[in-house]
Amino acid sequence: DNALEQLLVETARGGNPLQQVINDLAWAEAERRAEAEMARREREG
């Protein structure tokens, strides 16, 4: 609820917070994948 409220407030102020949220979610997934890839490389090494 707090995240949704903040999203609504920022949107009402004329911003595009949804784009930032999507970017942050993509970054979190990218970090997860990067850590998995590094672990795989270390095992192979």
ModelCIF file with pLDDT and N, C-alpha, C, O atoms, coordinates in Angstrom:
data_MODEL
#
_entry.id   MODEL 
#
_entity.id                         1 
_entity.type                       polymer 
_entity.pdbx_number_of_molecules   1 
#
_entity_poly.entity_id                      1 
_entity_poly.type                           'polypeptide(L)' 
_entity_poly.nstd_linkage                   no 
_entity_poly.nstd_monomer                   no 
_entity_poly.pdbx_seq_one_letter_code       DNALEQLLVETARGGNPLQQVINDLAWAEAERRAEAEMARREREG 
_entity_poly.pdbx_seq_one_letter_code_can   DNALEQLLVETARGGNPLQQVINDLAWAEAERRAEAEMARREREG 
_entity_poly.pdbx_strand_id                 A 
#
loop_
_entity_poly_seq.entity_id 
_entity_poly_seq.num 
_entity_poly_seq.mon_id 
_entity_poly_seq.hetero 
1 1  ASP n 
1 2  ASN n 
1 3  ALA n 
1 4  LEU n 
1 5  GLU n 
1 6  GLN n 
1 7  LEU n 
1 8  LEU n 
1 9  VAL n 
1 10 GLU n 
1 11 THR n 
1 12 ALA n 
1 13 ARG n 
1 14 GLY n 
1 15 GLY n 
1 16 ASN n 
1 17 PRO n 
1 18 LEU n 
1 19 GLN n 
1 20 GLN n 
1 21 VAL n 
1 22 ILE n 
1 23 ASN n 
1 24 ASP n 
1 25 LEU n 
1 26 ALA n 
1 27 TRP n 
1 28 ALA n 
1 29 GLU n 
1 30 ALA n 
1 31 GLU n 
1 32 ARG n 
1 33 ARG n 
1 34 ALA n 
1 35 GLU n 
1 36 ALA n 
1 37 GLU n 
1 38 MET n 
1 39 ALA n 
1 40 ARG n 
1 41 ARG n 
1 42 GLU n 
1 43 ARG n 
1 44 GLU n 
1 45 GLY n 
#
_struct_asym.id          A 
_struct_asym.entity_id   1 
#
loop_
_ma_qa_metric.id 
_ma_qa_metric.mode 
_ma_qa_metric.name 
_ma_qa_metric.software_group_id 
_ma_qa_metric.type 
1 global pLDDT . pLDDT 
2 local  pLDDT . pLDDT 
#
_ma_qa_metric_global.metric_id      1 
_ma_qa_metric_global.metric_value   92.42 
_ma_qa_metric_global.model_id       1 
_ma_qa_metric_global.ordinal_id     1 
#
loop_
_ma_qa_metric_local.label_asym_id 
_ma_qa_metric_local.label_comp_id 
_ma_qa_metric_local.label_seq_id 
_ma_qa_metric_local.metric_id 
_ma_qa_metric_local.metric_value 
_ma_qa_metric_local.model_id 
_ma_qa_metric_local.ordinal_id 
A ASP 1  2 96.00 1 1  
A ASN 2  2 96.00 1 2  
A ALA 3  2 94.00 1 3  
A LEU 4  2 94.00 1 4  
A GLU 5  2 95.00 1 5  
A GLN 6  2 94.00 1 6  
A LEU 7  2 93.00 1 7  
A LEU 8  2 94.00 1 8  
A VAL 9  2 95.00 1 9  
A GLU 10 2 94.00 1 10 
A THR 11 2 94.00 1 11 
A ALA 12 2 95.00 1 12 
A ARG 13 2 95.00 1 13 
A GLY 14 2 93.00 1 14 
A GLY 15 2 89.00 1 15 
A ASN 16 2 92.00 1 16 
A PRO 17 2 94.00 1 17 
A LEU 18 2 94.00 1 18 
A GLN 19 2 95.00 1 19 
A GLN 20 2 95.00 1 20 
A VAL 21 2 96.00 1 21 
A ILE 22 2 96.00 1 22 
A ASN 23 2 97.00 1 23 
A ASP 24 2 96.00 1 24 
A LEU 25 2 97.00 1 25 
A ALA 26 2 97.00 1 26 
A TRP 27 2 97.00 1 27 
A ALA 28 2 97.00 1 28 
A GLU 29 2 96.00 1 29 
A ALA 30 2 96.00 1 30 
A GLU 31 2 95.00 1 31 
A ARG 32 2 95.00 1 32 
A ARG 33 2 94.00 1 33 
A ALA 34 2 92.00 1 34 
A GLU 35 2 92.00 1 35 
A ALA 36 2 92.00 1 36 
A GLU 37 2 89.00 1 37 
A MET 38 2 87.00 1 38 
A ALA 39 2 88.00 1 39 
A ARG 40 2 86.00 1 40 
A ARG 41 2 82.00 1 41 
A GLU 42 2 83.00 1 42 
A ARG 43 2 81.00 1 43 
A GLU 44 2 81.00 1 44 
A GLY 45 2 76.00 1 45 
#
loop_
_atom_site.group_PDB 
_atom_site.id 
_atom_site.type_symbol 
_atom_site.label_atom_id 
_atom_site.label_alt_id 
_atom_site.label_comp_id 
_atom_site.label_asym_id 
_atom_site.label_entity_id 
_atom_site.label_seq_id 
_atom_site.pdbx_PDB_ins_code 
_atom_site.Cartn_x 
_atom_site.Cartn_y 
_atom_site.Cartn_z 
_atom_site.occupancy 
_atom_site.B_iso_or_equiv 
_atom_site.pdbx_formal_charge 
_atom_site.auth_seq_id 
_atom_site.auth_comp_id 
_atom_site.auth_asym_id 
_atom_site.auth_atom_id 
_atom_site.pdbx_PDB_model_num 
ATOM 1   N N  . ASP A 1 1  ? 0.815  -1.219  0.000   1.00 96.00 ? 1  ASP A N  1 
ATOM 2   C CA . ASP A 1 1  ? 0.000  0.000   0.000   1.00 96.00 ? 1  ASP A CA 1 
ATOM 3   C C  . ASP A 1 1  ? 0.849  1.270   0.000   1.00 96.00 ? 1  ASP A C  1 
ATOM 4   O O  . ASP A 1 1  ? 0.511  2.244   -0.672  1.00 96.00 ? 1  ASP A O  1 
ATOM 5   N N  . ASN A 1 2  ? 1.945  1.259   0.749   1.00 96.00 ? 2  ASN A N  1 
ATOM 6   C CA . ASN A 1 2  ? 2.801  2.450   0.803   1.00 96.00 ? 2  ASN A CA 1 
ATOM 7   C C  . ASN A 1 2  ? 3.444  2.721   -0.558  1.00 96.00 ? 2  ASN A C  1 
ATOM 8   O O  . ASN A 1 2  ? 3.527  3.869   -0.995  1.00 96.00 ? 2  ASN A O  1 
ATOM 9   N N  . ALA A 1 3  ? 3.892  1.670   -1.215  1.00 94.00 ? 3  ALA A N  1 
ATOM 10  C CA . ALA A 1 3  ? 4.512  1.831   -2.532  1.00 94.00 ? 3  ALA A CA 1 
ATOM 11  C C  . ALA A 1 3  ? 3.488  2.343   -3.535  1.00 94.00 ? 3  ALA A C  1 
ATOM 12  O O  . ALA A 1 3  ? 3.797  3.223   -4.339  1.00 94.00 ? 3  ALA A O  1 
ATOM 13  N N  . LEU A 1 4  ? 2.287  1.808   -3.497  1.00 94.00 ? 4  LEU A N  1 
ATOM 14  C CA . LEU A 1 4  ? 1.232  2.241   -4.410  1.00 94.00 ? 4  LEU A CA 1 
ATOM 15  C C  . LEU A 1 4  ? 0.858  3.697   -4.147  1.00 94.00 ? 4  LEU A C  1 
ATOM 16  O O  . LEU A 1 4  ? 0.665  4.477   -5.079  1.00 94.00 ? 4  LEU A O  1 
ATOM 17  N N  . GLU A 1 5  ? 0.759  4.053   -2.873  1.00 95.00 ? 5  GLU A N  1 
ATOM 18  C CA . GLU A 1 5  ? 0.446  5.440   -2.528  1.00 95.00 ? 5  GLU A CA 1 
ATOM 19  C C  . GLU A 1 5  ? 1.516  6.390   -3.070  1.00 95.00 ? 5  GLU A C  1 
ATOM 20  O O  . GLU A 1 5  ? 1.197  7.432   -3.643  1.00 95.00 ? 5  GLU A O  1 
ATOM 21  N N  . GLN A 1 6  ? 2.775  6.025   -2.887  1.00 94.00 ? 6  GLN A N  1 
ATOM 22  C CA . GLN A 1 6  ? 3.880  6.860   -3.378  1.00 94.00 ? 6  GLN A CA 1 
ATOM 23  C C  . GLN A 1 6  ? 3.832  6.969   -4.908  1.00 94.00 ? 6  GLN A C  1 
ATOM 24  O O  . GLN A 1 6  ? 4.088  8.037   -5.465  1.00 94.00 ? 6  GLN A O  1 
ATOM 25  N N  . LEU A 1 7  ? 3.510  5.886   -5.569  1.00 93.00 ? 7  LEU A N  1 
ATOM 26  C CA . LEU A 1 7  ? 3.393  5.881   -7.027  1.00 93.00 ? 7  LEU A CA 1 
ATOM 27  C C  . LEU A 1 7  ? 2.288  6.842   -7.470  1.00 93.00 ? 7  LEU A C  1 
ATOM 28  O O  . LEU A 1 7  ? 2.468  7.600   -8.423  1.00 93.00 ? 7  LEU A O  1 
ATOM 29  N N  . LEU A 1 8  ? 1.159  6.809   -6.788  1.00 94.00 ? 8  LEU A N  1 
ATOM 30  C CA . LEU A 1 8  ? 0.051  7.697   -7.128  1.00 94.00 ? 8  LEU A CA 1 
ATOM 31  C C  . LEU A 1 8  ? 0.389  9.161   -6.875  1.00 94.00 ? 8  LEU A C  1 
ATOM 32  O O  . LEU A 1 8  ? 0.070  10.026  -7.691  1.00 94.00 ? 8  LEU A O  1 
ATOM 33  N N  . VAL A 1 9  ? 1.034  9.440   -5.742  1.00 95.00 ? 9  VAL A N  1 
ATOM 34  C CA . VAL A 1 9  ? 1.404  10.810  -5.405  1.00 95.00 ? 9  VAL A CA 1 
ATOM 35  C C  . VAL A 1 9  ? 2.381  11.373  -6.437  1.00 95.00 ? 9  VAL A C  1 
ATOM 36  O O  . VAL A 1 9  ? 2.203  12.490  -6.922  1.00 95.00 ? 9  VAL A O  1 
ATOM 37  N N  . GLU A 1 10 ? 3.406  10.600  -6.766  1.00 94.00 ? 10 GLU A N  1 
ATOM 38  C CA . GLU A 1 10 ? 4.396  11.069  -7.740  1.00 94.00 ? 10 GLU A CA 1 
ATOM 39  C C  . GLU A 1 10 ? 3.773  11.266  -9.121  1.00 94.00 ? 10 GLU A C  1 
ATOM 40  O O  . GLU A 1 10 ? 4.139  12.194  -9.843  1.00 94.00 ? 10 GLU A O  1 
ATOM 41  N N  . THR A 1 11 ? 2.838  10.399  -9.487  1.00 94.00 ? 11 THR A N  1 
ATOM 42  C CA . THR A 1 11 ? 2.146  10.548  -10.767 1.00 94.00 ? 11 THR A CA 1 
ATOM 43  C C  . THR A 1 11 ? 1.291  11.805  -10.759 1.00 94.00 ? 11 THR A C  1 
ATOM 44  O O  . THR A 1 11 ? 1.257  12.539  -11.747 1.00 94.00 ? 11 THR A O  1 
ATOM 45  N N  . ALA A 1 12 ? 0.600  12.060  -9.650  1.00 95.00 ? 12 ALA A N  1 
ATOM 46  C CA . ALA A 1 12 ? -0.236 13.254  -9.534  1.00 95.00 ? 12 ALA A CA 1 
ATOM 47  C C  . ALA A 1 12 ? 0.601  14.528  -9.621  1.00 95.00 ? 12 ALA A C  1 
ATOM 48  O O  . ALA A 1 12 ? 0.111  15.565  -10.068 1.00 95.00 ? 12 ALA A O  1 
ATOM 49  N N  . ARG A 1 13 ? 1.844  14.455  -9.200  1.00 95.00 ? 13 ARG A N  1 
ATOM 50  C CA . ARG A 1 13 ? 2.744  15.609  -9.272  1.00 95.00 ? 13 ARG A CA 1 
ATOM 51  C C  . ARG A 1 13 ? 3.264  15.831  -10.689 1.00 95.00 ? 13 ARG A C  1 
ATOM 52  O O  . ARG A 1 13 ? 3.985  16.793  -10.953 1.00 95.00 ? 13 ARG A O  1 
ATOM 53  N N  . GLY A 1 14 ? 2.892  14.934  -11.591 1.00 93.00 ? 14 GLY A N  1 
ATOM 54  C CA . GLY A 1 14 ? 3.292  15.110  -12.985 1.00 93.00 ? 14 GLY A CA 1 
ATOM 55  C C  . GLY A 1 14 ? 4.520  14.315  -13.386 1.00 93.00 ? 14 GLY A C  1 
ATOM 56  O O  . GLY A 1 14 ? 5.025  14.471  -14.498 1.00 93.00 ? 14 GLY A O  1 
ATOM 57  N N  . GLY A 1 15 ? 4.995  13.484  -12.512 1.00 89.00 ? 15 GLY A N  1 
ATOM 58  C CA . GLY A 1 15 ? 6.174  12.675  -12.836 1.00 89.00 ? 15 GLY A CA 1 
ATOM 59  C C  . GLY A 1 15 ? 5.795  11.393  -13.540 1.00 89.00 ? 15 GLY A C  1 
ATOM 60  O O  . GLY A 1 15 ? 4.622  11.134  -13.806 1.00 89.00 ? 15 GLY A O  1 
ATOM 61  N N  . ASN A 1 16 ? 6.802  10.596  -13.837 1.00 92.00 ? 16 ASN A N  1 
ATOM 62  C CA . ASN A 1 16 ? 6.584  9.292   -14.441 1.00 92.00 ? 16 ASN A CA 1 
ATOM 63  C C  . ASN A 1 16 ? 7.263  8.241   -13.563 1.00 92.00 ? 16 ASN A C  1 
ATOM 64  O O  . ASN A 1 16 ? 8.228  7.600   -13.980 1.00 92.00 ? 16 ASN A O  1 
ATOM 65  N N  . PRO A 1 17 ? 6.749  8.071   -12.342 1.00 94.00 ? 17 PRO A N  1 
ATOM 66  C CA . PRO A 1 17 ? 7.400  7.144   -11.418 1.00 94.00 ? 17 PRO A CA 1 
ATOM 67  C C  . PRO A 1 17 ? 7.277  5.687   -11.849 1.00 94.00 ? 17 PRO A C  1 
ATOM 68  O O  . PRO A 1 17 ? 8.095  4.857   -11.452 1.00 94.00 ? 17 PRO A O  1 
ATOM 69  N N  . LEU A 1 18 ? 6.276  5.367   -12.648 1.00 94.00 ? 18 LEU A N  1 
ATOM 70  C CA . LEU A 1 18 ? 6.135  3.986   -13.092 1.00 94.00 ? 18 LEU A CA 1 
ATOM 71  C C  . LEU A 1 18 ? 7.351  3.560   -13.899 1.00 94.00 ? 18 LEU A C  1 
ATOM 72  O O  . LEU A 1 18 ? 7.809  2.424   -13.779 1.00 94.00 ? 18 LEU A O  1 
ATOM 73  N N  . GLN A 1 19 ? 7.876  4.461   -14.721 1.00 95.00 ? 19 GLN A N  1 
ATOM 74  C CA . GLN A 1 19 ? 9.077  4.137   -15.491 1.00 95.00 ? 19 GLN A CA 1 
ATOM 75  C C  . GLN A 1 19 ? 10.242 3.830   -14.553 1.00 95.00 ? 19 GLN A C  1 
ATOM 76  O O  . GLN A 1 19 ? 11.010 2.899   -14.799 1.00 95.00 ? 19 GLN A O  1 
ATOM 77  N N  . GLN A 1 20 ? 10.374 4.604   -13.487 1.00 95.00 ? 20 GLN A N  1 
ATOM 78  C CA . GLN A 1 20 ? 11.447 4.359   -12.525 1.00 95.00 ? 20 GLN A CA 1 
ATOM 79  C C  . GLN A 1 20 ? 11.244 3.041   -11.798 1.00 95.00 ? 20 GLN A C  1 
ATOM 80  O O  . GLN A 1 20 ? 12.203 2.307   -11.556 1.00 95.00 ? 20 GLN A O  1 
ATOM 81  N N  . VAL A 1 21 ? 10.000 2.736   -11.449 1.00 96.00 ? 21 VAL A N  1 
ATOM 82  C CA . VAL A 1 21 ? 9.707  1.469   -10.774 1.00 96.00 ? 21 VAL A CA 1 
ATOM 83  C C  . VAL A 1 21 ? 10.063 0.303   -11.696 1.00 96.00 ? 21 VAL A C  1 
ATOM 84  O O  . VAL A 1 21 ? 10.700 -0.660  -11.268 1.00 96.00 ? 21 VAL A O  1 
ATOM 85  N N  . ILE A 1 22 ? 9.651  0.393   -12.962 1.00 96.00 ? 22 ILE A N  1 
ATOM 86  C CA . ILE A 1 22 ? 9.972  -0.667  -13.926 1.00 96.00 ? 22 ILE A CA 1 
ATOM 87  C C  . ILE A 1 22 ? 11.482 -0.804  -14.071 1.00 96.00 ? 22 ILE A C  1 
ATOM 88  O O  . ILE A 1 22 ? 12.008 -1.916  -14.110 1.00 96.00 ? 22 ILE A O  1 
ATOM 89  N N  . ASN A 1 23 ? 12.173 0.319   -14.149 1.00 97.00 ? 23 ASN A N  1 
ATOM 90  C CA . ASN A 1 23 ? 13.633 0.301   -14.250 1.00 97.00 ? 23 ASN A CA 1 
ATOM 91  C C  . ASN A 1 23 ? 14.255 -0.363  -13.025 1.00 97.00 ? 23 ASN A C  1 
ATOM 92  O O  . ASN A 1 23 ? 15.184 -1.160  -13.152 1.00 97.00 ? 23 ASN A O  1 
ATOM 93  N N  . ASP A 1 24 ? 13.746 -0.036  -11.844 1.00 96.00 ? 24 ASP A N  1 
ATOM 94  C CA . ASP A 1 24 ? 14.266 -0.634  -10.608 1.00 96.00 ? 24 ASP A CA 1 
ATOM 95  C C  . ASP A 1 24 ? 13.997 -2.139  -10.553 1.00 96.00 ? 24 ASP A C  1 
ATOM 96  O O  . ASP A 1 24 ? 14.853 -2.914  -10.128 1.00 96.00 ? 24 ASP A O  1 
ATOM 97  N N  . LEU A 1 25 ? 12.802 -2.543  -10.986 1.00 97.00 ? 25 LEU A N  1 
ATOM 98  C CA . LEU A 1 25 ? 12.478 -3.970  -11.000 1.00 97.00 ? 25 LEU A CA 1 
ATOM 99  C C  . LEU A 1 25 ? 13.366 -4.717  -11.996 1.00 97.00 ? 25 LEU A C  1 
ATOM 100 O O  . LEU A 1 25 ? 13.813 -5.833  -11.729 1.00 97.00 ? 25 LEU A O  1 
ATOM 101 N N  . ALA A 1 26 ? 13.613 -4.089  -13.142 1.00 97.00 ? 26 ALA A N  1 
ATOM 102 C CA . ALA A 1 26 ? 14.503 -4.695  -14.143 1.00 97.00 ? 26 ALA A CA 1 
ATOM 103 C C  . ALA A 1 26 ? 15.922 -4.785  -13.586 1.00 97.00 ? 26 ALA A C  1 
ATOM 104 O O  . ALA A 1 26 ? 16.614 -5.778  -13.811 1.00 97.00 ? 26 ALA A O  1 
ATOM 105 N N  . TRP A 1 27 ? 16.355 -3.757  -12.864 1.00 97.00 ? 27 TRP A N  1 
ATOM 106 C CA . TRP A 1 27 ? 17.699 -3.773  -12.279 1.00 97.00 ? 27 TRP A CA 1 
ATOM 107 C C  . TRP A 1 27 ? 17.818 -4.883  -11.238 1.00 97.00 ? 27 TRP A C  1 
ATOM 108 O O  . TRP A 1 27 ? 18.839 -5.568  -11.179 1.00 97.00 ? 27 TRP A O  1 
ATOM 109 N N  . ALA A 1 28 ? 16.787 -5.066  -10.418 1.00 97.00 ? 28 ALA A N  1 
ATOM 110 C CA . ALA A 1 28 ? 16.817 -6.129  -9.405  1.00 97.00 ? 28 ALA A CA 1 
ATOM 111 C C  . ALA A 1 28 ? 16.947 -7.492  -10.078 1.00 97.00 ? 28 ALA A C  1 
ATOM 112 O O  . ALA A 1 28 ? 17.707 -8.343  -9.616  1.00 97.00 ? 28 ALA A O  1 
ATOM 113 N N  . GLU A 1 29 ? 16.215 -7.699  -11.157 1.00 96.00 ? 29 GLU A N  1 
ATOM 114 C CA . GLU A 1 29 ? 16.314 -8.960  -11.896 1.00 96.00 ? 29 GLU A CA 1 
ATOM 115 C C  . GLU A 1 29 ? 17.687 -9.092  -12.540 1.00 96.00 ? 29 GLU A C  1 
ATOM 116 O O  . GLU A 1 29 ? 18.263 -10.180 -12.572 1.00 96.00 ? 29 GLU A O  1 
ATOM 117 N N  . ALA A 1 30 ? 18.204 -7.988  -13.049 1.00 96.00 ? 30 ALA A N  1 
ATOM 118 C CA . ALA A 1 30 ? 19.532 -8.012  -13.674 1.00 96.00 ? 30 ALA A CA 1 
ATOM 119 C C  . ALA A 1 30 ? 20.605 -8.384  -12.654 1.00 96.00 ? 30 ALA A C  1 
ATOM 120 O O  . ALA A 1 30 ? 21.508 -9.161  -12.965 1.00 96.00 ? 30 ALA A O  1 
ATOM 121 N N  . GLU A 1 31 ? 20.517 -7.844  -11.454 1.00 95.00 ? 31 GLU A N  1 
ATOM 122 C CA . GLU A 1 31 ? 21.477 -8.201  -10.401 1.00 95.00 ? 31 GLU A CA 1 
ATOM 123 C C  . GLU A 1 31 ? 21.376 -9.674  -10.042 1.00 95.00 ? 31 GLU A C  1 
ATOM 124 O O  . GLU A 1 31 ? 22.393 -10.341 -9.851  1.00 95.00 ? 31 GLU A O  1 
ATOM 125 N N  . ARG A 1 32 ? 20.147 -10.186 -9.949  1.00 95.00 ? 32 ARG A N  1 
ATOM 126 C CA . ARG A 1 32 ? 19.958 -11.602 -9.633  1.00 95.00 ? 32 ARG A CA 1 
ATOM 127 C C  . ARG A 1 32 ? 20.597 -12.472 -10.712 1.00 95.00 ? 32 ARG A C  1 
ATOM 128 O O  . ARG A 1 32 ? 21.285 -13.448 -10.410 1.00 95.00 ? 32 ARG A O  1 
ATOM 129 N N  . ARG A 1 33 ? 20.365 -12.111 -11.959 1.00 94.00 ? 33 ARG A N  1 
ATOM 130 C CA . ARG A 1 33 ? 20.943 -12.875 -13.066 1.00 94.00 ? 33 ARG A CA 1 
ATOM 131 C C  . ARG A 1 33 ? 22.462 -12.746 -13.102 1.00 94.00 ? 33 ARG A C  1 
ATOM 132 O O  . ARG A 1 33 ? 23.165 -13.715 -13.389 1.00 94.00 ? 33 ARG A O  1 
ATOM 133 N N  . ALA A 1 34 ? 22.965 -11.555 -12.812 1.00 92.00 ? 34 ALA A N  1 
ATOM 134 C CA . ALA A 1 34 ? 24.416 -11.347 -12.816 1.00 92.00 ? 34 ALA A CA 1 
ATOM 135 C C  . ALA A 1 34 ? 25.087 -12.191 -11.741 1.00 92.00 ? 34 ALA A C  1 
ATOM 136 O O  . ALA A 1 34 ? 26.129 -12.798 -11.987 1.00 92.00 ? 34 ALA A O  1 
ATOM 137 N N  . GLU A 1 35 ? 24.499 -12.233 -10.556 1.00 92.00 ? 35 GLU A N  1 
ATOM 138 C CA . GLU A 1 35 ? 25.063 -13.044 -9.479  1.00 92.00 ? 35 GLU A CA 1 
ATOM 139 C C  . GLU A 1 35 ? 25.053 -14.523 -9.850  1.00 92.00 ? 35 GLU A C  1 
ATOM 140 O O  . GLU A 1 35 ? 26.008 -15.247 -9.568  1.00 92.00 ? 35 GLU A O  1 
ATOM 141 N N  . ALA A 1 36 ? 23.972 -14.965 -10.481 1.00 92.00 ? 36 ALA A N  1 
ATOM 142 C CA . ALA A 1 36 ? 23.898 -16.369 -10.918 1.00 92.00 ? 36 ALA A CA 1 
ATOM 143 C C  . ALA A 1 36 ? 24.951 -16.653 -11.987 1.00 92.00 ? 36 ALA A C  1 
ATOM 144 O O  . ALA A 1 36 ? 25.596 -17.702 -11.967 1.00 92.00 ? 36 ALA A O  1 
ATOM 145 N N  . GLU A 1 37 ? 25.120 -15.726 -12.908 1.00 89.00 ? 37 GLU A N  1 
ATOM 146 C CA . GLU A 1 37 ? 26.119 -15.906 -13.976 1.00 89.00 ? 37 GLU A CA 1 
ATOM 147 C C  . GLU A 1 37 ? 27.535 -15.929 -13.404 1.00 89.00 ? 37 GLU A C  1 
ATOM 148 O O  . GLU A 1 37 ? 28.357 -16.743 -13.822 1.00 89.00 ? 37 GLU A O  1 
ATOM 149 N N  . MET A 1 38 ? 27.823 -15.048 -12.457 1.00 87.00 ? 38 MET A N  1 
ATOM 150 C CA . MET A 1 38 ? 29.151 -15.021 -11.844 1.00 87.00 ? 38 MET A CA 1 
ATOM 151 C C  . MET A 1 38 ? 29.410 -16.313 -11.074 1.00 87.00 ? 38 MET A C  1 
ATOM 152 O O  . MET A 1 38 ? 30.520 -16.845 -11.108 1.00 87.00 ? 38 MET A O  1 
ATOM 153 N N  . ALA A 1 39 ? 28.402 -16.814 -10.388 1.00 88.00 ? 39 ALA A N  1 
ATOM 154 C CA . ALA A 1 39 ? 28.554 -18.077 -9.661  1.00 88.00 ? 39 ALA A CA 1 
ATOM 155 C C  . ALA A 1 39 ? 28.828 -19.219 -10.639 1.00 88.00 ? 39 ALA A C  1 
ATOM 156 O O  . ALA A 1 39 ? 29.666 -20.081 -10.376 1.00 88.00 ? 39 ALA A O  1 
ATOM 157 N N  . ARG A 1 40 ? 28.118 -19.219 -11.767 1.00 86.00 ? 40 ARG A N  1 
ATOM 158 C CA . ARG A 1 40 ? 28.343 -20.253 -12.781 1.00 86.00 ? 40 ARG A CA 1 
ATOM 159 C C  . ARG A 1 40 ? 29.762 -20.167 -13.323 1.00 86.00 ? 40 ARG A C  1 
ATOM 160 O O  . ARG A 1 40 ? 30.430 -21.188 -13.483 1.00 86.00 ? 40 ARG A O  1 
ATOM 161 N N  . ARG A 1 41 ? 30.220 -18.963 -13.604 1.00 82.00 ? 41 ARG A N  1 
ATOM 162 C CA . ARG A 1 41 ? 31.585 -18.786 -14.118 1.00 82.00 ? 41 ARG A CA 1 
ATOM 163 C C  . ARG A 1 41 ? 32.627 -19.242 -13.108 1.00 82.00 ? 41 ARG A C  1 
ATOM 164 O O  . ARG A 1 41 ? 33.631 -19.857 -13.468 1.00 82.00 ? 41 ARG A O  1 
ATOM 165 N N  . GLU A 1 42 ? 32.377 -18.933 -11.835 1.00 83.00 ? 42 GLU A N  1 
ATOM 166 C CA . GLU A 1 42 ? 33.321 -19.356 -10.795 1.00 83.00 ? 42 GLU A CA 1 
ATOM 167 C C  . GLU A 1 42 ? 33.369 -20.874 -10.694 1.00 83.00 ? 42 GLU A C  1 
ATOM 168 O O  . GLU A 1 42 ? 34.446 -21.452 -10.550 1.00 83.00 ? 42 GLU A O  1 
ATOM 169 N N  . ARG A 1 43 ? 32.209 -21.524 -10.770 1.00 81.00 ? 43 ARG A N  1 
ATOM 170 C CA . ARG A 1 43 ? 32.177 -22.992 -10.733 1.00 81.00 ? 43 ARG A CA 1 
ATOM 171 C C  . ARG A 1 43 ? 32.929 -23.560 -11.926 1.00 81.00 ? 43 ARG A C  1 
ATOM 172 O O  . ARG A 1 43 ? 33.727 -24.485 -11.774 1.00 81.00 ? 43 ARG A O  1 
ATOM 173 N N  . GLU A 1 44 ? 32.684 -23.018 -13.105 1.00 81.00 ? 44 GLU A N  1 
ATOM 174 C CA . GLU A 1 44 ? 33.368 -23.499 -14.305 1.00 81.00 ? 44 GLU A CA 1 
ATOM 175 C C  . GLU A 1 44 ? 34.867 -23.238 -14.225 1.00 81.00 ? 44 GLU A C  1 
ATOM 176 O O  . GLU A 1 44 ? 35.669 -24.065 -14.659 1.00 81.00 ? 44 GLU A O  1 
ATOM 177 N N  . GLY A 1 45 ? 35.239 -22.100 -13.675 1.00 76.00 ? 45 GLY A N  1 
ATOM 178 C CA . GLY A 1 45 ? 36.661 -21.779 -13.523 1.00 76.00 ? 45 GLY A CA 1 
ATOM 179 C C  . GLY A 1 45 ? 37.348 -22.742 -12.580 1.00 76.00 ? 45 GLY A C  1 
ATOM 180 O O  . GLY A 1 45 ? 38.549 -22.619 -12.337 1.00 76.00 ? 45 GLY A O  1 
#
